[in-house]
Amino acid sequence: MFTIEKEVAVNQVTADGIAVGTAMLKVTLTYTIERIELEGANGIAFYTVTSGADAEGVRNYIPFTYSGSGDPLPEAEAALKLTVE
């Protein structure tokens, strides 16, 4: 599991639905690898992204190459960090 802080653009909208601009908002995202499937050197890491009070989060997956020795979790996290940072 690792956490990153990102700035995202948020549309500002009036009560009647008119867009009046954008603002930058800092959010803290937590990435948690839930499951890893391996077939030889080919791996798929299934992960969840959560932010603040969002307990359920968003689920996704990323393919990665496993070295074949030791715990595959650090290798999966390194591949995931490359795509999100």
PDB file of N, CA and C in Angstrom:
ATOM      1  N   MET A   1       0.853  -1.167   0.000  1.00  0.00           N
ATOM      2  CA  MET A   1       0.000   0.000   0.000  1.00  0.00           C
ATOM      3  C   MET A   1       0.899   1.231   0.000  1.00  0.00           C
ATOM      4  N   PHE A   2       0.516   2.229  -0.795  1.00  0.00           N
ATOM      5  CA  PHE A   2       1.227   3.495  -0.775  1.00  0.00           C
ATOM      6  C   PHE A   2       0.240   4.621  -1.030  1.00  0.00           C
ATOM      7  N   THR A   3       0.626   5.823  -0.620  1.00  0.00           N
ATOM      8  CA  THR A   3      -0.243   6.994  -0.727  1.00  0.00           C
ATOM      9  C   THR A   3       0.489   8.076  -1.500  1.00  0.00           C
ATOM     10  N   ILE A   4      -0.244   8.759  -2.388  1.00  0.00           N
ATOM     11  CA  ILE A   4       0.318   9.904  -3.094  1.00  0.00           C
ATOM     12  C   ILE A   4      -0.655  11.068  -2.985  1.00  0.00           C
ATOM     13  N   GLU A   5      -0.131  12.265  -3.136  1.00  0.00           N
ATOM     14  CA  GLU A   5      -0.967  13.461  -3.139  1.00  0.00           C
ATOM     15  C   GLU A   5      -0.940  14.027  -4.553  1.00  0.00           C
ATOM     16  N   LYS A   6      -2.115  14.336  -5.089  1.00  0.00           N
ATOM     17  CA  LYS A   6      -2.220  14.855  -6.450  1.00  0.00           C
ATOM     18  C   LYS A   6      -3.052  16.119  -6.454  1.00  0.00           C
ATOM     19  N   GLU A   7      -2.787  16.975  -7.428  1.00  0.00           N
ATOM     20  CA  GLU A   7      -3.648  18.127  -7.670  1.00  0.00           C
ATOM     21  C   GLU A   7      -4.541  17.783  -8.850  1.00  0.00           C
ATOM     22  N   VAL A   8      -5.829  17.993  -8.676  1.00  0.00           N
ATOM     23  CA  VAL A   8      -6.783  17.720  -9.750  1.00  0.00           C
ATOM     24  C   VAL A   8      -7.589  18.977 -10.033  1.00  0.00           C
ATOM     25  N   ALA A   9      -8.020  19.114 -11.279  1.00  0.00           N
ATOM     26  CA  ALA A   9      -8.854  20.246 -11.668  1.00  0.00           C
ATOM     27  C   ALA A   9     -10.310  19.904 -11.371  1.00  0.00           C
ATOM     28  N   VAL A  10     -10.999  20.820 -10.717  1.00  0.00           N
ATOM     29  CA  VAL A  10     -12.405  20.629 -10.363  1.00  0.00           C
ATOM     30  C   VAL A  10     -13.202  21.754 -10.999  1.00  0.00           C
ATOM     31  N   ASN A  11     -14.256  21.398 -11.727  1.00  0.00           N
ATOM     32  CA  ASN A  11     -15.115  22.418 -12.325  1.00  0.00           C
ATOM     33  C   ASN A  11     -15.959  23.078 -11.251  1.00  0.00           C
ATOM     34  N   GLN A  12     -15.991  24.409 -11.263  1.00  0.00           N
ATOM     35  CA  GLN A  12     -16.861  25.145 -10.354  1.00  0.00           C
ATOM     36  C   GLN A  12     -18.158  25.430 -11.095  1.00  0.00           C
ATOM     37  N   VAL A  13     -19.265  25.056 -10.474  1.00  0.00           N
ATOM     38  CA  VAL A  13     -20.575  25.181 -11.106  1.00  0.00           C
ATOM     39  C   VAL A  13     -21.502  25.928 -10.159  1.00  0.00           C
ATOM     40  N   THR A  14     -22.290  26.864 -10.708  1.00  0.00           N
ATOM     41  CA  THR A  14     -23.261  27.595  -9.897  1.00  0.00           C
ATOM     42  C   THR A  14     -24.449  26.696  -9.584  1.00  0.00           C
ATOM     43  N   ALA A  15     -25.336  27.158  -8.707  1.00  0.00           N
ATOM     44  CA  ALA A  15     -26.504  26.371  -8.302  1.00  0.00           C
ATOM     45  C   ALA A  15     -27.405  26.031  -9.482  1.00  0.00           C
ATOM     46  N   ASP A  16     -27.418  26.884 -10.514  1.00  0.00           N
ATOM     47  CA  ASP A  16     -28.274  26.597 -11.667  1.00  0.00           C
ATOM     48  C   ASP A  16     -27.536  25.834 -12.770  1.00  0.00           C
ATOM     49  N   GLY A  17     -26.347  25.305 -12.465  1.00  0.00           N
ATOM     50  CA  GLY A  17     -25.660  24.421 -13.398  1.00  0.00           C
ATOM     51  C   GLY A  17     -24.736  25.087 -14.391  1.00  0.00           C
ATOM     52  N   ILE A  18     -24.432  26.358 -14.210  1.00  0.00           N
ATOM     53  CA  ILE A  18     -23.556  27.065 -15.140  1.00  0.00           C
ATOM     54  C   ILE A  18     -22.108  26.929 -14.664  1.00  0.00           C
ATOM     55  N   ALA A  19     -21.246  26.460 -15.564  1.00  0.00           N
ATOM     56  CA  ALA A  19     -19.827  26.327 -15.235  1.00  0.00           C
ATOM     57  C   ALA A  19     -19.192  27.709 -15.216  1.00  0.00           C
ATOM     58  N   VAL A  20     -18.499  28.024 -14.119  1.00  0.00           N
ATOM     59  CA  VAL A  20     -17.899  29.353 -13.982  1.00  0.00           C
ATOM     60  C   VAL A  20     -16.376  29.294 -13.899  1.00  0.00           C
ATOM     61  N   GLY A  21     -15.792  28.141 -14.101  1.00  0.00           N
ATOM     62  CA  GLY A  21     -14.343  28.025 -14.074  1.00  0.00           C
ATOM     63  C   GLY A  21     -13.900  26.748 -13.409  1.00  0.00           C
ATOM     64  N   THR A  22     -12.602  26.666 -13.219  1.00  0.00           N
ATOM     65  CA  THR A  22     -12.044  25.489 -12.562  1.00  0.00           C
ATOM     66  C   THR A  22     -11.154  25.922 -11.405  1.00  0.00           C
ATOM     67  N   ALA A  23     -11.006  25.045 -10.486  1.00  0.00           N
ATOM     68  CA  ALA A  23     -10.121  25.273  -9.339  1.00  0.00           C
ATOM     69  C   ALA A  23      -9.255  24.034  -9.175  1.00  0.00           C
ATOM     70  N   MET A  24      -8.085  24.217  -8.593  1.00  0.00           N
ATOM     71  CA  MET A  24      -7.204  23.087  -8.318  1.00  0.00           C
ATOM     72  C   MET A  24      -7.454  22.615  -6.886  1.00  0.00           C
ATOM     73  N   LEU A  25      -7.532  21.320  -6.715  1.00  0.00           N
ATOM     74  CA  LEU A  25      -7.817  20.720  -5.421  1.00  0.00           C
ATOM     75  C   LEU A  25      -6.778  19.633  -5.156  1.00  0.00           C
ATOM     76  N   LYS A  26      -6.203  19.624  -3.964  1.00  0.00           N
ATOM     77  CA  LYS A  26      -5.265  18.569  -3.589  1.00  0.00           C
ATOM     78  C   LYS A  26      -6.043  17.411  -2.981  1.00  0.00           C
ATOM     79  N   VAL A  27      -5.786  16.219  -3.484  1.00  0.00           N
ATOM     80  CA  VAL A  27      -6.415  15.018  -2.940  1.00  0.00           C
ATOM     81  C   VAL A  27      -5.325  14.014  -2.584  1.00  0.00           C
ATOM     82  N   THR A  28      -5.598  13.228  -1.570  1.00  0.00           N
ATOM     83  CA  THR A  28      -4.688  12.163  -1.167  1.00  0.00           C
ATOM     84  C   THR A  28      -5.302  10.843  -1.598  1.00  0.00           C
ATOM     85  N   LEU A  29      -4.571  10.105  -2.414  1.00  0.00           N
ATOM     86  CA  LEU A  29      -5.053   8.829  -2.935  1.00  0.00           C
ATOM     87  C   LEU A  29      -4.225   7.696  -2.343  1.00  0.00           C
ATOM     88  N   THR A  30      -4.911   6.649  -1.896  1.00  0.00           N
ATOM     89  CA  THR A  30      -4.237   5.476  -1.351  1.00  0.00           C
ATOM     90  C   THR A  30      -4.442   4.311  -2.309  1.00  0.00           C
ATOM     91  N   TYR A  31      -3.337   3.715  -2.739  1.00  0.00           N
ATOM     92  CA  TYR A  31      -3.356   2.575  -3.654  1.00  0.00           C
ATOM     93  C   TYR A  31      -3.034   1.317  -2.859  1.00  0.00           C
ATOM     94  N   THR A  32      -3.922   0.329  -2.930  1.00  0.00           N
ATOM     95  CA  THR A  32      -3.732  -0.925  -2.208  1.00  0.00           C
ATOM     96  C   THR A  32      -3.838  -2.082  -3.186  1.00  0.00           C
ATOM     97  N   ILE A  33      -2.781  -2.877  -3.290  1.00  0.00           N
ATOM     98  CA  ILE A  33      -2.838  -4.065  -4.139  1.00  0.00           C
ATOM     99  C   ILE A  33      -3.569  -5.147  -3.358  1.00  0.00           C
ATOM    100  N   GLU A  34      -4.678  -5.609  -3.931  1.00  0.00           N
ATOM    101  CA  GLU A  34      -5.547  -6.582  -3.261  1.00  0.00           C
ATOM    102  C   GLU A  34      -5.159  -8.023  -3.591  1.00  0.00           C
ATOM    103  N   ARG A  35      -4.720  -8.238  -4.837  1.00  0.00           N
ATOM    104  CA  ARG A  35      -4.461  -9.609  -5.284  1.00  0.00           C
ATOM    105  C   ARG A  35      -3.442  -9.577  -6.419  1.00  0.00           C
ATOM    106  N   ILE A  36      -2.613 -10.595  -6.486  1.00  0.00           N
ATOM    107  CA  ILE A  36      -1.643 -10.741  -7.568  1.00  0.00           C
ATOM    108  C   ILE A  36      -1.821 -12.126  -8.176  1.00  0.00           C
ATOM    109  N   GLU A  37      -1.886 -12.168  -9.506  1.00  0.00           N
ATOM    110  CA  GLU A  37      -1.921 -13.444 -10.221  1.00  0.00           C
ATOM    111  C   GLU A  37      -0.657 -13.537 -11.059  1.00  0.00           C
ATOM    112  N   LEU A  38       0.024 -14.687 -10.973  1.00  0.00           N
ATOM    113  CA  LEU A  38       1.276 -14.886 -11.703  1.00  0.00           C
ATOM    114  C   LEU A  38       1.172 -16.089 -12.623  1.00  0.00           C
ATOM    115  N   GLU A  39       1.760 -15.936 -13.793  1.00  0.00           N
ATOM    116  CA  GLU A  39       1.947 -17.049 -14.717  1.00  0.00           C
ATOM    117  C   GLU A  39       3.355 -16.893 -15.277  1.00  0.00           C
ATOM    118  N   GLY A  40       4.300 -17.566 -14.644  1.00  0.00           N
ATOM    119  CA  GLY A  40       5.703 -17.377 -15.008  1.00  0.00           C
ATOM    120  C   GLY A  40       6.150 -15.980 -14.614  1.00  0.00           C
ATOM    121  N   ALA A  41       6.727 -15.263 -15.579  1.00  0.00           N
ATOM    122  CA  ALA A  41       7.196 -13.895 -15.318  1.00  0.00           C
ATOM    123  C   ALA A  41       6.108 -12.854 -15.537  1.00  0.00           C
ATOM    124  N   ASN A  42       4.954 -13.282 -16.027  1.00  0.00           N
ATOM    125  CA  ASN A  42       3.854 -12.349 -16.279  1.00  0.00           C
ATOM    126  C   ASN A  42       2.951 -12.268 -15.062  1.00  0.00           C
ATOM    127  N   GLY A  43       2.707 -11.046 -14.616  1.00  0.00           N
ATOM    128  CA  GLY A  43       1.859 -10.854 -13.453  1.00  0.00           C
ATOM    129  C   GLY A  43       0.775  -9.831 -13.714  1.00  0.00           C
ATOM    130  N   ILE A  44      -0.305  -9.960 -12.987  1.00  0.00           N
ATOM    131  CA  ILE A  44      -1.379  -8.968 -12.987  1.00  0.00           C
ATOM    132  C   ILE A  44      -1.651  -8.625 -11.535  1.00  0.00           C
ATOM    133  N   ALA A  45      -1.592  -7.332 -11.228  1.00  0.00           N
ATOM    134  CA  ALA A  45      -1.880  -6.859  -9.877  1.00  0.00           C
ATOM    135  C   ALA A  45      -3.233  -6.164  -9.889  1.00  0.00           C
ATOM    136  N   PHE A  46      -4.136  -6.625  -9.065  1.00  0.00           N
ATOM    137  CA  PHE A  46      -5.451  -6.014  -8.923  1.00  0.00           C
ATOM    138  C   PHE A  46      -5.378  -5.065  -7.730  1.00  0.00           C
ATOM    139  N   TYR A  47      -5.794  -3.816  -7.932  1.00  0.00           N
ATOM    140  CA  TYR A  47      -5.633  -2.822  -6.876  1.00  0.00           C
ATOM    141  C   TYR A  47      -6.887  -1.979  -6.701  1.00  0.00           C
ATOM    142  N   THR A  48      -6.949  -1.301  -5.547  1.00  0.00           N
ATOM    143  CA  THR A  48      -8.039  -0.393  -5.210  1.00  0.00           C
ATOM    144  C   THR A  48      -7.446   0.975  -4.917  1.00  0.00           C
ATOM    145  N   VAL A  49      -8.129   2.022  -5.388  1.00  0.00           N
ATOM    146  CA  VAL A  49      -7.732   3.400  -5.105  1.00  0.00           C
ATOM    147  C   VAL A  49      -8.818   4.020  -4.239  1.00  0.00           C
ATOM    148  N   THR A  50      -8.433   4.558  -3.081  1.00  0.00           N
ATOM    149  CA  THR A  50      -9.390   5.231  -2.205  1.00  0.00           C
ATOM    150  C   THR A  50      -8.902   6.640  -1.906  1.00  0.00           C
ATOM    151  N   SER A  51      -9.858   7.489  -1.555  1.00  0.00           N
ATOM    152  CA  SER A  51      -9.547   8.881  -1.220  1.00  0.00           C
ATOM    153  C   SER A  51     -10.402   9.301  -0.043  1.00  0.00           C
ATOM    154  N   GLY A  52      -9.763   9.671   1.051  1.00  0.00           N
ATOM    155  CA  GLY A  52     -10.492  10.195   2.207  1.00  0.00           C
ATOM    156  C   GLY A  52     -11.545   9.240   2.728  1.00  0.00           C
ATOM    157  N   ALA A  53     -12.790   9.713   2.772  1.00  0.00           N
ATOM    158  CA  ALA A  53     -13.891   8.943   3.344  1.00  0.00           C
ATOM    159  C   ALA A  53     -14.457   7.905   2.382  1.00  0.00           C
ATOM    160  N   ASP A  54     -13.939   7.840   1.159  1.00  0.00           N
ATOM    161  CA  ASP A  54     -14.412   6.877   0.167  1.00  0.00           C
ATOM    162  C   ASP A  54     -13.902   5.491   0.540  1.00  0.00           C
ATOM    163  N   ALA A  55     -14.702   4.743   1.276  1.00  0.00           N
ATOM    164  CA  ALA A  55     -14.256   3.450   1.791  1.00  0.00           C
ATOM    165  C   ALA A  55     -14.206   2.369   0.712  1.00  0.00           C
ATOM    166  N   GLU A  56     -15.068   2.453  -0.295  1.00  0.00           N
ATOM    167  CA  GLU A  56     -15.116   1.404  -1.315  1.00  0.00           C
ATOM    168  C   GLU A  56     -14.045   1.593  -2.377  1.00  0.00           C
ATOM    169  N   GLY A  57     -13.864   2.794  -2.856  1.00  0.00           N
ATOM    170  CA  GLY A  57     -12.819   3.083  -3.826  1.00  0.00           C
ATOM    171  C   GLY A  57     -13.126   2.594  -5.225  1.00  0.00           C
ATOM    172  N   VAL A  58     -12.111   2.686  -6.058  1.00  0.00           N
ATOM    173  CA  VAL A  58     -12.196   2.274  -7.456  1.00  0.00           C
ATOM    174  C   VAL A  58     -11.240   1.111  -7.647  1.00  0.00           C
ATOM    175  N   ARG A  59     -11.692   0.075  -8.338  1.00  0.00           N
ATOM    176  CA  ARG A  59     -10.856  -1.103  -8.564  1.00  0.00           C
ATOM    177  C   ARG A  59     -10.341  -1.109 -10.005  1.00  0.00           C
ATOM    178  N   ASN A  60      -9.106  -1.599 -10.171  1.00  0.00           N
ATOM    179  CA  ASN A  60      -8.504  -1.678 -11.488  1.00  0.00           C
ATOM    180  C   ASN A  60      -7.393  -2.722 -11.430  1.00  0.00           C
ATOM    181  N   TYR A  61      -6.675  -2.894 -12.527  1.00  0.00           N
ATOM    182  CA  TYR A  61      -5.560  -3.834 -12.552  1.00  0.00           C
ATOM    183  C   TYR A  61      -4.458  -3.292 -13.443  1.00  0.00           C
ATOM    184  N   ILE A  62      -3.258  -3.842 -13.265  1.00  0.00           N
ATOM    185  CA  ILE A  62      -2.106  -3.452 -14.066  1.00  0.00           C
ATOM    186  C   ILE A  62      -1.246  -4.689 -14.309  1.00  0.00           C
ATOM    187  N   PRO A  63      -0.818  -4.885 -15.560  1.00  0.00           N
ATOM    188  CA  PRO A  63       0.124  -5.974 -15.816  1.00  0.00           C
ATOM    189  C   PRO A  63       1.535  -5.553 -15.397  1.00  0.00           C
ATOM    190  N   PHE A  64       2.345  -6.502 -14.984  1.00  0.00           N
ATOM    191  CA  PHE A  64       3.734  -6.211 -14.634  1.00  0.00           C
ATOM    192  C   PHE A  64       4.578  -7.456 -14.884  1.00  0.00           C
ATOM    193  N   THR A  65       5.882  -7.262 -14.944  1.00  0.00           N
ATOM    194  CA  THR A  65       6.812  -8.369 -15.143  1.00  0.00           C
ATOM    195  C   THR A  65       7.440  -8.724 -13.800  1.00  0.00           C
ATOM    196  N   TYR A  66       7.348  -9.998 -13.457  1.00  0.00           N
ATOM    197  CA  TYR A  66       7.877 -10.503 -12.188  1.00  0.00           C
ATOM    198  C   TYR A  66       9.256 -11.113 -12.430  1.00  0.00           C
ATOM    199  N   SER A  67      10.202 -10.811 -11.562  1.00  0.00           N
ATOM    200  CA  SER A  67      11.575 -11.311 -11.709  1.00  0.00           C
ATOM    201  C   SER A  67      11.683 -12.814 -11.463  1.00  0.00           C
ATOM    202  N   GLY A  68      10.714 -13.369 -10.755  1.00  0.00           N
ATOM    203  CA  GLY A  68      10.727 -14.801 -10.489  1.00  0.00           C
ATOM    204  C   GLY A  68      11.329 -15.190  -9.156  1.00  0.00           C
ATOM    205  N   SER A  69      11.808 -14.210  -8.387  1.00  0.00           N
ATOM    206  CA  SER A  69      12.369 -14.556  -7.080  1.00  0.00           C
ATOM    207  C   SER A  69      11.841 -13.604  -6.021  1.00  0.00           C
ATOM    208  N   GLY A  70      11.502 -14.169  -4.866  1.00  0.00           N
ATOM    209  CA  GLY A  70      11.031 -13.346  -3.758  1.00  0.00           C
ATOM    210  C   GLY A  70       9.569 -12.954  -3.877  1.00  0.00           C
ATOM    211  N   ASP A  71       9.202 -12.007  -3.063  1.00  0.00           N
ATOM    212  CA  ASP A  71       7.832 -11.511  -2.969  1.00  0.00           C
ATOM    213  C   ASP A  71       7.510 -10.634  -4.186  1.00  0.00           C
ATOM    214  N   PRO A  72       6.450 -10.930  -4.934  1.00  0.00           N
ATOM    215  CA  PRO A  72       6.115 -10.119  -6.102  1.00  0.00           C
ATOM    216  C   PRO A  72       5.467  -8.772  -5.758  1.00  0.00           C
ATOM    217  N   LEU A  73       5.042  -8.575  -4.509  1.00  0.00           N
ATOM    218  CA  LEU A  73       4.344  -7.342  -4.137  1.00  0.00           C
ATOM    219  C   LEU A  73       5.175  -6.086  -4.387  1.00  0.00           C
ATOM    220  N   PRO A  74       6.443  -6.008  -3.960  1.00  0.00           N
ATOM    221  CA  PRO A  74       7.217  -4.792  -4.233  1.00  0.00           C
ATOM    222  C   PRO A  74       7.365  -4.496  -5.731  1.00  0.00           C
ATOM    223  N   GLU A  75       7.473  -5.546  -6.545  1.00  0.00           N
ATOM    224  CA  GLU A  75       7.594  -5.349  -7.990  1.00  0.00           C
ATOM    225  C   GLU A  75       6.282  -4.840  -8.577  1.00  0.00           C
ATOM    226  N   ALA A  76       5.162  -5.354  -8.079  1.00  0.00           N
ATOM    227  CA  ALA A  76       3.856  -4.888  -8.544  1.00  0.00           C
ATOM    228  C   ALA A  76       3.629  -3.436  -8.131  1.00  0.00           C
ATOM    229  N   GLU A  77       4.000  -3.086  -6.893  1.00  0.00           N
ATOM    230  CA  GLU A  77       3.843  -1.705  -6.433  1.00  0.00           C
ATOM    231  C   GLU A  77       4.720  -0.750  -7.231  1.00  0.00           C
ATOM    232  N   ALA A  78       5.931  -1.165  -7.571  1.00  0.00           N
ATOM    233  CA  ALA A  78       6.824  -0.314  -8.368  1.00  0.00           C
ATOM    234  C   ALA A  78       6.226  -0.046  -9.744  1.00  0.00           C
ATOM    235  N   ALA A  79       5.648  -1.069 -10.364  1.00  0.00           N
ATOM    236  CA  ALA A  79       5.013  -0.892 -11.675  1.00  0.00           C
ATOM    237  C   ALA A  79       3.806   0.034 -11.570  1.00  0.00           C
ATOM    238  N   LEU A  80       3.037  -0.111 -10.506  1.00  0.00           N
ATOM    239  CA  LEU A  80       1.864   0.738 -10.306  1.00  0.00           C
ATOM    240  C   LEU A  80       2.270   2.188 -10.080  1.00  0.00           C
ATOM    241  N   LYS A  81       3.301   2.414  -9.273  1.00  0.00           N
ATOM    242  CA  LYS A  81       3.772   3.781  -9.015  1.00  0.00           C
ATOM    243  C   LYS A  81       4.201   4.475 -10.298  1.00  0.00           C
ATOM    244  N   LEU A  82       4.829   3.741 -11.206  1.00  0.00           N
ATOM    245  CA  LEU A  82       5.255   4.336 -12.477  1.00  0.00           C
ATOM    246  C   LEU A  82       4.074   4.861 -13.286  1.00  0.00           C
ATOM    247  N   THR A  83       2.931   4.210 -13.174  1.00  0.00           N
ATOM    248  CA  THR A  83       1.773   4.634 -13.968  1.00  0.00           C
ATOM    249  C   THR A  83       0.969   5.749 -13.318  1.00  0.00           C
ATOM    250  N   VAL A  84       1.075   5.923 -12.000  1.00  0.00           N
ATOM    251  CA  VAL A  84       0.216   6.907 -11.324  1.00  0.00           C
ATOM    252  C   VAL A  84       0.928   8.173 -10.888  1.00  0.00           C
ATOM    253  N   GLU A  85       2.234   8.174 -10.832  1.00  0.00           N
ATOM    254  CA  GLU A  85       2.934   9.378 -10.367  1.00  0.00           C
ATOM    255  C   GLU A  85       3.330  10.270 -11.515  1.00  0.00           C
TER     256      GLU A  85
END
